Protein backbone atom coordinates (compact mmCIF):
# COMPACT_ATOMS: atom_id res chain seq x y z
CA MET A 1 4.32 -3.89 13.15
CA GLN A 2 7.76 -2.99 11.81
CA ALA A 3 8.53 0.57 10.68
CA LEU A 4 9.59 0.90 7.03
CA THR A 5 12.11 3.24 5.40
CA CYS A 6 10.70 6.38 3.77
CA ARG A 7 12.12 7.70 0.50
CA LEU A 8 9.57 10.47 -0.07
CA THR A 9 11.90 13.20 1.12
CA GLY A 10 14.10 13.66 -1.94
CA GLY A 11 17.20 12.41 -0.15
CA ALA A 12 16.72 13.99 3.28
CA THR A 13 16.49 11.66 6.26
CA CYS A 14 12.94 11.03 7.45
CA THR A 15 12.75 10.13 11.13
CA GLN A 16 9.00 9.52 11.22
CA PRO A 17 7.89 5.88 11.29
CA LEU A 18 6.16 4.58 8.18
CA TYR A 19 3.95 1.56 8.74
CA GLY A 20 2.50 -0.86 6.20
CA THR A 21 -1.12 0.27 6.07
CA MET A 22 -2.85 2.34 3.41
CA ALA A 23 -4.04 4.86 6.03
CA SER A 24 -0.52 5.21 7.46
CA LEU A 25 0.97 5.66 4.00
CA ARG A 26 -1.59 8.31 2.99
CA GLU A 27 -1.00 10.22 6.24
CA HIS A 28 2.77 9.97 5.82
CA MET A 29 2.50 11.35 2.27
CA ARG A 30 0.44 14.29 3.60
CA MET A 31 3.06 14.90 6.31
CA HIS A 32 5.67 15.37 3.57
CA GLY A 33 3.35 17.79 1.75
CA HIS A 34 2.27 15.38 -1.00
CA LYS A 35 -1.36 16.23 -1.69
CA HIS A 36 -3.69 15.79 -4.65
CA PRO A 37 -2.28 18.19 -7.26
CA GLY A 38 -5.56 18.79 -9.10
CA ARG A 39 -4.53 17.02 -12.31
CA SER A 40 -5.03 13.50 -13.53
CA PHE A 41 -1.52 12.06 -13.85
CA VAL A 42 1.47 12.96 -11.72
CA ARG A 43 5.04 11.72 -11.28
CA CYS A 44 5.60 9.42 -8.33
CA PRO A 45 7.23 11.37 -5.44
CA TRP A 46 9.37 8.37 -4.38
CA MET A 47 13.05 9.23 -4.79
CA GLY A 48 14.34 7.82 -8.09
CA CYS A 49 10.95 6.81 -9.51
CA GLN A 50 9.90 8.25 -12.87
CA ASP A 51 6.48 6.55 -13.08
CA GLN A 52 3.46 8.68 -14.01
CA LEU A 53 0.14 7.57 -12.56
CA GLN A 54 -3.15 8.79 -11.17
CA TRP A 55 -2.80 10.42 -7.75
CA GLU A 56 -5.51 8.19 -6.29
CA ASN A 57 -3.34 5.14 -7.03
CA MET A 58 -0.19 6.61 -5.50
CA PRO A 59 -0.38 5.02 -2.00
CA ARG A 60 -0.93 1.56 -3.51
CA HIS A 61 1.90 2.13 -6.01
CA ILE A 62 4.35 3.25 -3.31
CA GLY A 63 3.31 0.47 -0.96
CA SER A 64 3.48 -2.39 -3.44
CA ILE A 65 6.24 -1.27 -5.84
CA HIS A 66 8.66 0.68 -3.65
CA MET A 67 8.09 -0.78 -0.22
CA GLY A 68 7.28 -4.35 -1.25
CA ILE A 69 4.33 -4.62 1.10
CA ARG A 70 1.40 -6.92 0.40
CA LEU A 71 -2.07 -7.75 1.68
CA GLN A 72 -2.17 -11.18 3.27
CA CYS A 73 -5.05 -13.65 3.28
CA CYS A 74 -5.81 -14.32 6.93
CA ARG A 75 -6.75 -17.95 6.19
CA CYS A 76 -3.96 -19.29 3.97
CA GLY A 77 -1.29 -16.59 4.10
CA LYS A 78 -1.18 -15.89 0.34
CA LEU A 79 0.02 -12.35 -0.47
CA PHE A 80 -1.67 -9.83 -2.79
CA THR A 81 -0.89 -6.30 -3.99
CA ARG A 82 -4.55 -5.28 -4.37
CA THR A 83 -7.56 -5.52 -2.08
CA LYS A 84 -9.80 -6.60 -4.99
CA ALA A 85 -7.49 -9.54 -5.74
CA LEU A 86 -7.62 -10.63 -2.10
CA GLU A 87 -11.42 -10.31 -2.05
CA LYS A 88 -11.69 -12.39 -5.25
CA HIS A 89 -9.36 -15.01 -3.76
CA VAL A 90 -11.44 -15.33 -0.59
CA VAL A 91 -14.75 -15.49 -2.49
CA SER A 92 -13.46 -18.03 -5.02
CA ASN A 93 -12.12 -20.22 -2.22
CA LYS A 94 -15.11 -19.96 0.11
CA ASN A 95 -15.60 -23.75 0.23
CA LYS A 96 -11.89 -24.47 0.49
CA ARG A 97 -9.11 -23.60 2.90
CA CYS A 98 -9.88 -19.86 2.69
CA GLY A 99 -13.56 -20.34 3.49
CA LYS A 100 -13.88 -17.88 6.37
CA THR A 101 -13.23 -14.24 5.61
CA ASP A 102 -12.61 -13.35 9.26
CA ASN A 103 -11.03 -9.89 9.03
CA CYS A 104 -9.02 -10.22 5.82
CA PHE A 105 -9.95 -6.77 4.57
CA ASP A 106 -8.70 -4.55 7.36
CA GLY A 107 -6.18 -2.72 5.13
CA ARG A 108 -3.04 -4.16 6.68
CA PHE A 109 0.00 -4.85 4.53
CA PHE A 110 2.85 -7.27 5.17
């Protein structure tokens, strides 16, 4: 898996690898000191972003908007930004090309 460029440091160079998984992104955010602030909406910590959103949605926001990473259907290769959309795709296509779910929901991004 290829390491991605981090822009959570406010302009400083980050030498730690950042991989395209939700778990990796959450851990990387913690490493930079980004933790749940105790309030509902917060500004995105990504350098240059002014978006305000719920902290729980921050890893998905950073992954899909800033890093351009997507969840991939393991059967047909279609890309999604949300796990629920991938799940719906697999279920709605269960008798078609995407019939087997295999391990489509392992949290990996591409």
